[in-house]
Amino acid sequence: MNPLQAINRALFSIQITLAVLWIYQGLVPKVIYKVIEEQLFWQMTGIQFLPTARLIELSGIAEIIFGLLFLIFRHSKTLHYLNITGMLFFCAIVAILYPHSFTQAFNPFVMNVAMAGLSVVAIQLVSVRQ
C-alpha cells in the first residue's frame, strides 16, 4: 500500500467514525428516546418557541444531517473545523449547565475531546493529501 492509500484509508475511517457518532447521537437519545437529559437541557436554555419534545427532535435531525455530511464531503477541512468548534461549544455548554456530569464515567468531556481530536487528525491528513 502506498502512502496516499494509507492516508485515504485513515481519513475514511475517521469520516465513518464521526458520521456514526453524530448520527447515533442525533437518532438514539433525541429522535427515538428523547431522554430526560435532553429535555432538561432544552428547558434550562429557556428557548420556548417550540415544545421541548420538538426542539429535541429537531436538534437530533440536525445532528443526523451533520453526520451524513461526513460521508458526503469526505475531504472537507471546513466540516472538521465546524466539528471542532461544535465539540468545544457543546463541552462548554454542558460544563455550565451540568458541571456534575464531568465527574462521571463516559462523560461529555471524553466524547467531545475524542471527536474533536479525530477532526484534528483528519485536517492533518487532508493537508498531507493536497
N, C-alpha and C. Protein backbone atom coordinates (compact mmCIF):
# COMPACT_ATOMS: atom_id res chain seq x y z
N MET A 1 0.86 -1.17 0.00
CA MET A 1 0.00 0.00 0.00
C MET A 1 0.90 1.23 0.00
N ASN A 2 0.61 2.15 -0.90
CA ASN A 2 1.42 3.37 -0.96
C ASN A 2 0.94 4.37 0.10
N PRO A 3 1.75 5.39 0.40
CA PRO A 3 1.39 6.35 1.45
C PRO A 3 0.05 7.05 1.23
N LEU A 4 -0.27 7.39 -0.01
CA LEU A 4 -1.54 8.07 -0.29
C LEU A 4 -2.73 7.16 0.02
N GLN A 5 -2.58 5.88 -0.30
CA GLN A 5 -3.65 4.92 0.02
C GLN A 5 -3.83 4.81 1.54
N ALA A 6 -2.73 4.78 2.25
CA ALA A 6 -2.79 4.69 3.72
C ALA A 6 -3.48 5.92 4.30
N ILE A 7 -3.14 7.09 3.77
CA ILE A 7 -3.77 8.33 4.22
C ILE A 7 -5.27 8.31 3.93
N ASN A 8 -5.62 7.87 2.73
CA ASN A 8 -7.05 7.82 2.35
C ASN A 8 -7.82 6.84 3.23
N ARG A 9 -7.21 5.70 3.55
CA ARG A 9 -7.89 4.73 4.42
C ARG A 9 -8.09 5.28 5.83
N ALA A 10 -7.05 5.92 6.35
CA ALA A 10 -7.16 6.51 7.70
C ALA A 10 -8.22 7.61 7.71
N LEU A 11 -8.22 8.45 6.69
CA LEU A 11 -9.20 9.52 6.60
C LEU A 11 -10.61 8.95 6.47
N PHE A 12 -10.76 7.91 5.69
CA PHE A 12 -12.06 7.26 5.53
C PHE A 12 -12.55 6.70 6.88
N SER A 13 -11.66 6.09 7.64
CA SER A 13 -12.02 5.55 8.96
C SER A 13 -12.50 6.66 9.90
N ILE A 14 -11.82 7.78 9.86
CA ILE A 14 -12.22 8.92 10.69
C ILE A 14 -13.59 9.43 10.26
N GLN A 15 -13.79 9.57 8.96
CA GLN A 15 -15.07 10.08 8.44
C GLN A 15 -16.21 9.16 8.86
N ILE A 16 -16.02 7.85 8.72
CA ILE A 16 -17.06 6.89 9.09
C ILE A 16 -17.34 6.98 10.59
N THR A 17 -16.28 7.03 11.38
CA THR A 17 -16.44 7.09 12.84
C THR A 17 -17.23 8.32 13.25
N LEU A 18 -16.85 9.49 12.73
CA LEU A 18 -17.55 10.72 13.08
C LEU A 18 -19.00 10.69 12.60
N ALA A 19 -19.21 10.15 11.41
CA ALA A 19 -20.58 10.05 10.89
C ALA A 19 -21.43 9.18 11.80
N VAL A 20 -20.92 8.02 12.19
CA VAL A 20 -21.67 7.11 13.05
C VAL A 20 -21.96 7.76 14.40
N LEU A 21 -20.96 8.42 14.98
CA LEU A 21 -21.16 9.06 16.28
C LEU A 21 -22.22 10.16 16.22
N TRP A 22 -22.14 11.02 15.21
CA TRP A 22 -23.13 12.10 15.08
C TRP A 22 -24.53 11.54 14.80
N ILE A 23 -24.62 10.58 13.90
CA ILE A 23 -25.93 10.01 13.57
C ILE A 23 -26.53 9.31 14.80
N TYR A 24 -25.73 8.52 15.48
CA TYR A 24 -26.20 7.85 16.69
C TYR A 24 -26.66 8.88 17.72
N GLN A 25 -25.85 9.89 17.96
CA GLN A 25 -26.15 10.89 18.98
C GLN A 25 -27.44 11.65 18.64
N GLY A 26 -27.70 11.85 17.37
CA GLY A 26 -28.94 12.51 16.97
C GLY A 26 -30.14 11.58 17.00
N LEU A 27 -29.92 10.35 16.58
CA LEU A 27 -31.03 9.41 16.43
C LEU A 27 -31.49 8.80 17.76
N VAL A 28 -30.58 8.20 18.50
CA VAL A 28 -30.98 7.40 19.66
C VAL A 28 -31.49 8.27 20.82
N PRO A 29 -30.66 9.16 21.39
CA PRO A 29 -31.17 9.89 22.57
C PRO A 29 -32.16 11.01 22.24
N LYS A 30 -32.16 11.47 20.99
CA LYS A 30 -33.01 12.62 20.67
C LYS A 30 -34.25 12.25 19.88
N VAL A 31 -34.10 11.57 18.78
CA VAL A 31 -35.25 11.26 17.93
C VAL A 31 -36.05 10.07 18.47
N ILE A 32 -35.35 9.00 18.84
CA ILE A 32 -36.06 7.79 19.27
C ILE A 32 -36.54 7.89 20.72
N TYR A 33 -35.62 8.21 21.66
CA TYR A 33 -35.97 8.14 23.08
C TYR A 33 -36.26 9.46 23.76
N LYS A 34 -35.78 10.55 23.21
CA LYS A 34 -35.98 11.87 23.85
C LYS A 34 -35.67 11.79 25.35
N VAL A 35 -34.42 11.42 25.65
CA VAL A 35 -34.00 11.17 27.03
C VAL A 35 -34.19 12.40 27.91
N ILE A 36 -34.34 12.16 29.19
CA ILE A 36 -34.64 13.21 30.16
C ILE A 36 -33.57 14.29 30.18
N GLU A 37 -32.29 13.91 29.99
CA GLU A 37 -31.22 14.90 30.00
C GLU A 37 -31.40 15.92 28.88
N GLU A 38 -31.87 15.45 27.73
CA GLU A 38 -32.13 16.37 26.61
C GLU A 38 -33.29 17.30 26.94
N GLN A 39 -34.31 16.76 27.60
CA GLN A 39 -35.44 17.59 27.99
C GLN A 39 -35.00 18.67 28.98
N LEU A 40 -34.22 18.26 29.96
CA LEU A 40 -33.72 19.22 30.95
C LEU A 40 -32.84 20.29 30.29
N PHE A 41 -32.00 19.85 29.35
CA PHE A 41 -31.13 20.80 28.65
C PHE A 41 -31.96 21.88 27.97
N TRP A 42 -32.95 21.49 27.18
CA TRP A 42 -33.74 22.48 26.45
C TRP A 42 -34.57 23.35 27.40
N GLN A 43 -35.04 22.79 28.49
CA GLN A 43 -35.77 23.59 29.47
C GLN A 43 -34.86 24.62 30.12
N MET A 44 -33.61 24.24 30.38
CA MET A 44 -32.66 25.15 31.03
C MET A 44 -32.22 26.28 30.09
N THR A 45 -32.29 26.06 28.79
CA THR A 45 -31.88 27.12 27.85
C THR A 45 -32.89 28.25 27.83
N GLY A 46 -34.13 27.94 28.20
CA GLY A 46 -35.16 28.97 28.18
C GLY A 46 -35.77 29.19 26.81
N ILE A 47 -35.34 28.43 25.82
CA ILE A 47 -35.90 28.55 24.47
C ILE A 47 -37.28 27.93 24.49
N GLN A 48 -38.29 28.73 24.12
CA GLN A 48 -39.66 28.24 24.23
C GLN A 48 -40.51 28.49 22.98
N PHE A 49 -39.85 28.71 21.84
CA PHE A 49 -40.66 28.98 20.64
C PHE A 49 -41.28 27.71 20.07
N LEU A 50 -40.84 26.54 20.54
CA LEU A 50 -41.42 25.26 20.17
C LEU A 50 -41.50 24.38 21.43
N PRO A 51 -42.38 23.39 21.44
CA PRO A 51 -42.41 22.46 22.57
C PRO A 51 -41.05 21.75 22.72
N THR A 52 -40.71 21.42 23.94
CA THR A 52 -39.42 20.79 24.23
C THR A 52 -39.20 19.53 23.39
N ALA A 53 -40.20 18.70 23.29
CA ALA A 53 -40.06 17.45 22.52
C ALA A 53 -39.70 17.74 21.07
N ARG A 54 -40.29 18.78 20.51
CA ARG A 54 -40.00 19.15 19.12
C ARG A 54 -38.58 19.70 18.98
N LEU A 55 -38.12 20.49 19.96
CA LEU A 55 -36.75 21.00 19.93
C LEU A 55 -35.73 19.86 19.99
N ILE A 56 -36.02 18.87 20.82
CA ILE A 56 -35.14 17.71 20.92
C ILE A 56 -35.08 16.99 19.58
N GLU A 57 -36.23 16.77 19.00
CA GLU A 57 -36.31 16.09 17.72
C GLU A 57 -35.57 16.85 16.63
N LEU A 58 -35.76 18.16 16.55
CA LEU A 58 -35.08 18.97 15.54
C LEU A 58 -33.57 18.99 15.74
N SER A 59 -33.12 19.05 16.99
CA SER A 59 -31.68 19.02 17.23
C SER A 59 -31.12 17.66 16.84
N GLY A 60 -31.88 16.60 17.07
CA GLY A 60 -31.46 15.26 16.65
C GLY A 60 -31.36 15.15 15.14
N ILE A 61 -32.33 15.69 14.44
CA ILE A 61 -32.30 15.67 12.97
C ILE A 61 -31.11 16.46 12.46
N ALA A 62 -30.83 17.60 13.08
CA ALA A 62 -29.66 18.40 12.67
C ALA A 62 -28.37 17.61 12.88
N GLU A 63 -28.28 16.87 13.98
CA GLU A 63 -27.08 16.06 14.23
C GLU A 63 -26.96 14.92 13.22
N ILE A 64 -28.07 14.32 12.86
CA ILE A 64 -28.06 13.26 11.85
C ILE A 64 -27.57 13.82 10.52
N ILE A 65 -28.09 14.97 10.13
CA ILE A 65 -27.67 15.60 8.87
C ILE A 65 -26.17 15.93 8.92
N PHE A 66 -25.72 16.47 10.05
CA PHE A 66 -24.30 16.79 10.19
C PHE A 66 -23.45 15.52 10.04
N GLY A 67 -23.90 14.43 10.64
CA GLY A 67 -23.20 13.16 10.50
C GLY A 67 -23.14 12.69 9.05
N LEU A 68 -24.24 12.85 8.34
CA LEU A 68 -24.27 12.45 6.93
C LEU A 68 -23.31 13.29 6.08
N LEU A 69 -23.10 14.54 6.48
CA LEU A 69 -22.16 15.39 5.75
C LEU A 69 -20.74 14.83 5.76
N PHE A 70 -20.40 14.10 6.82
CA PHE A 70 -19.07 13.48 6.87
C PHE A 70 -18.93 12.39 5.82
N LEU A 71 -20.04 11.80 5.41
CA LEU A 71 -20.00 10.78 4.37
C LEU A 71 -19.99 11.41 2.97
N ILE A 72 -20.56 12.59 2.85
CA ILE A 72 -20.67 13.25 1.55
C ILE A 72 -19.41 14.06 1.23
N PHE A 73 -18.97 14.87 2.18
CA PHE A 73 -17.82 15.75 1.97
C PHE A 73 -16.61 15.18 2.70
N ARG A 74 -16.05 14.13 2.12
CA ARG A 74 -15.02 13.36 2.81
C ARG A 74 -13.67 14.06 2.92
N HIS A 75 -13.45 15.13 2.18
CA HIS A 75 -12.16 15.81 2.23
C HIS A 75 -12.31 17.28 2.61
N SER A 76 -13.35 17.58 3.35
CA SER A 76 -13.64 18.97 3.73
C SER A 76 -13.00 19.34 5.06
N LYS A 77 -12.06 20.25 5.00
CA LYS A 77 -11.47 20.77 6.24
C LYS A 77 -12.51 21.60 6.99
N THR A 78 -13.33 22.34 6.26
CA THR A 78 -14.34 23.20 6.88
C THR A 78 -15.26 22.40 7.79
N LEU A 79 -15.69 21.24 7.33
CA LEU A 79 -16.56 20.38 8.12
C LEU A 79 -15.87 19.98 9.43
N HIS A 80 -14.60 19.70 9.35
CA HIS A 80 -13.86 19.31 10.55
C HIS A 80 -13.65 20.50 11.49
N TYR A 81 -13.42 21.67 10.92
CA TYR A 81 -13.32 22.86 11.78
C TYR A 81 -14.65 23.12 12.49
N LEU A 82 -15.76 22.92 11.77
CA LEU A 82 -17.08 23.05 12.40
C LEU A 82 -17.25 22.02 13.51
N ASN A 83 -16.79 20.80 13.27
CA ASN A 83 -16.89 19.76 14.28
C ASN A 83 -16.09 20.14 15.53
N ILE A 84 -14.87 20.61 15.34
CA ILE A 84 -14.04 21.01 16.48
C ILE A 84 -14.71 22.14 17.26
N THR A 85 -15.19 23.13 16.54
CA THR A 85 -15.87 24.27 17.18
C THR A 85 -17.11 23.81 17.93
N GLY A 86 -17.90 22.95 17.28
CA GLY A 86 -19.11 22.42 17.91
C GLY A 86 -18.80 21.62 19.16
N MET A 87 -17.79 20.78 19.09
CA MET A 87 -17.44 19.96 20.26
C MET A 87 -16.99 20.83 21.43
N LEU A 88 -16.20 21.85 21.15
CA LEU A 88 -15.76 22.76 22.22
C LEU A 88 -16.94 23.55 22.78
N PHE A 89 -17.82 24.00 21.89
CA PHE A 89 -19.02 24.75 22.31
C PHE A 89 -19.91 23.87 23.19
N PHE A 90 -20.21 22.65 22.73
CA PHE A 90 -21.08 21.76 23.50
C PHE A 90 -20.45 21.38 24.83
N CYS A 91 -19.14 21.23 24.83
CA CYS A 91 -18.44 20.91 26.08
C CYS A 91 -18.61 22.07 27.08
N ALA A 92 -18.48 23.29 26.58
CA ALA A 92 -18.63 24.46 27.45
C ALA A 92 -20.06 24.58 27.96
N ILE A 93 -21.04 24.36 27.08
CA ILE A 93 -22.44 24.45 27.48
C ILE A 93 -22.77 23.42 28.56
N VAL A 94 -22.32 22.20 28.35
CA VAL A 94 -22.58 21.15 29.34
C VAL A 94 -21.87 21.47 30.65
N ALA A 95 -20.66 22.01 30.56
CA ALA A 95 -19.93 22.38 31.79
C ALA A 95 -20.69 23.44 32.58
N ILE A 96 -21.36 24.33 31.89
CA ILE A 96 -22.13 25.38 32.56
C ILE A 96 -23.43 24.83 33.12
N LEU A 97 -24.16 24.04 32.32
CA LEU A 97 -25.47 23.56 32.73
C LEU A 97 -25.43 22.32 33.62
N TYR A 98 -24.47 21.43 33.37
CA TYR A 98 -24.38 20.16 34.11
C TYR A 98 -22.95 19.89 34.55
N PRO A 99 -22.36 20.74 35.37
CA PRO A 99 -20.95 20.52 35.74
C PRO A 99 -20.70 19.17 36.41
N HIS A 100 -21.70 18.64 37.09
CA HIS A 100 -21.56 17.34 37.75
C HIS A 100 -21.33 16.20 36.76
N SER A 101 -21.78 16.36 35.51
CA SER A 101 -21.65 15.28 34.53
C SER A 101 -20.19 15.01 34.17
N PHE A 102 -19.30 15.96 34.45
CA PHE A 102 -17.89 15.79 34.11
C PHE A 102 -17.16 14.89 35.10
N THR A 103 -17.83 14.50 36.16
CA THR A 103 -17.20 13.62 37.15
C THR A 103 -17.59 12.16 36.92
N GLN A 104 -18.49 11.92 35.98
CA GLN A 104 -18.98 10.57 35.73
C GLN A 104 -18.18 9.88 34.63
N ALA A 105 -18.26 8.56 34.61
CA ALA A 105 -17.62 7.80 33.54
C ALA A 105 -18.31 8.10 32.21
N PHE A 106 -17.56 8.03 31.14
CA PHE A 106 -18.09 8.29 29.80
C PHE A 106 -18.82 9.62 29.74
N ASN A 107 -18.18 10.64 30.26
CA ASN A 107 -18.81 11.96 30.34
C ASN A 107 -18.64 12.75 29.05
N PRO A 108 -19.32 13.88 28.93
CA PRO A 108 -19.28 14.68 27.70
C PRO A 108 -17.86 15.15 27.33
N PHE A 109 -17.02 15.37 28.33
CA PHE A 109 -15.66 15.80 28.04
C PHE A 109 -14.93 14.74 27.22
N VAL A 110 -15.06 13.49 27.62
CA VAL A 110 -14.37 12.39 26.93
C VAL A 110 -14.84 12.31 25.48
N MET A 111 -16.14 12.31 25.26
CA MET A 111 -16.70 12.18 23.92
C MET A 111 -16.34 13.38 23.04
N ASN A 112 -16.51 14.58 23.57
CA ASN A 112 -16.27 15.78 22.78
C ASN A 112 -14.80 15.96 22.41
N VAL A 113 -13.92 15.70 23.36
CA VAL A 113 -12.49 15.83 23.06
C VAL A 113 -12.06 14.76 22.05
N ALA A 114 -12.58 13.55 22.19
CA ALA A 114 -12.24 12.48 21.24
C ALA A 114 -12.71 12.84 19.82
N MET A 115 -13.93 13.35 19.71
CA MET A 115 -14.45 13.70 18.38
C MET A 115 -13.69 14.89 17.80
N ALA A 116 -13.35 15.86 18.62
CA ALA A 116 -12.56 17.00 18.15
C ALA A 116 -11.18 16.52 17.73
N GLY A 117 -10.60 15.61 18.51
CA GLY A 117 -9.28 15.07 18.18
C GLY A 117 -9.28 14.33 16.86
N LEU A 118 -10.33 13.59 16.57
CA LEU A 118 -10.43 12.92 15.26
C LEU A 118 -10.44 13.94 14.13
N SER A 119 -11.12 15.05 14.35
CA SER A 119 -11.14 16.09 13.32
C SER A 119 -9.78 16.76 13.15
N VAL A 120 -9.05 16.93 14.24
CA VAL A 120 -7.70 17.50 14.14
C VAL A 120 -6.83 16.59 13.27
N VAL A 121 -6.90 15.29 13.52
CA VAL A 121 -6.12 14.34 12.72
C VAL A 121 -6.59 14.36 11.26
N ALA A 122 -7.89 14.41 11.05
CA ALA A 122 -8.42 14.45 9.68
C ALA A 122 -7.93 15.68 8.93
N ILE A 123 -7.90 16.82 9.58
CA ILE A 123 -7.40 18.04 8.94
C ILE A 123 -5.94 17.85 8.53
N GLN A 124 -5.16 17.24 9.40
CA GLN A 124 -3.76 16.98 9.07
C GLN A 124 -3.64 16.04 7.89
N LEU A 125 -4.45 15.00 7.85
CA LEU A 125 -4.42 14.04 6.74
C LEU A 125 -4.86 14.68 5.43
N VAL A 126 -5.89 15.50 5.48
CA VAL A 126 -6.35 16.19 4.26
C VAL A 126 -5.26 17.12 3.76
N SER A 127 -4.56 17.78 4.66
CA SER A 127 -3.47 18.69 4.27
C SER A 127 -2.33 17.94 3.60
N VAL A 128 -2.02 16.74 4.10
CA VAL A 128 -0.94 15.94 3.50
C VAL A 128 -1.35 15.46 2.11
N ARG A 129 -2.63 15.13 1.95
CA ARG A 129 -3.14 14.66 0.65
C ARG A 129 -2.96 15.71 -0.44
N GLN A 130 -3.06 16.97 -0.06
CA GLN A 130 -3.07 18.04 -1.06
C GLN A 130 -1.70 18.37 -1.48
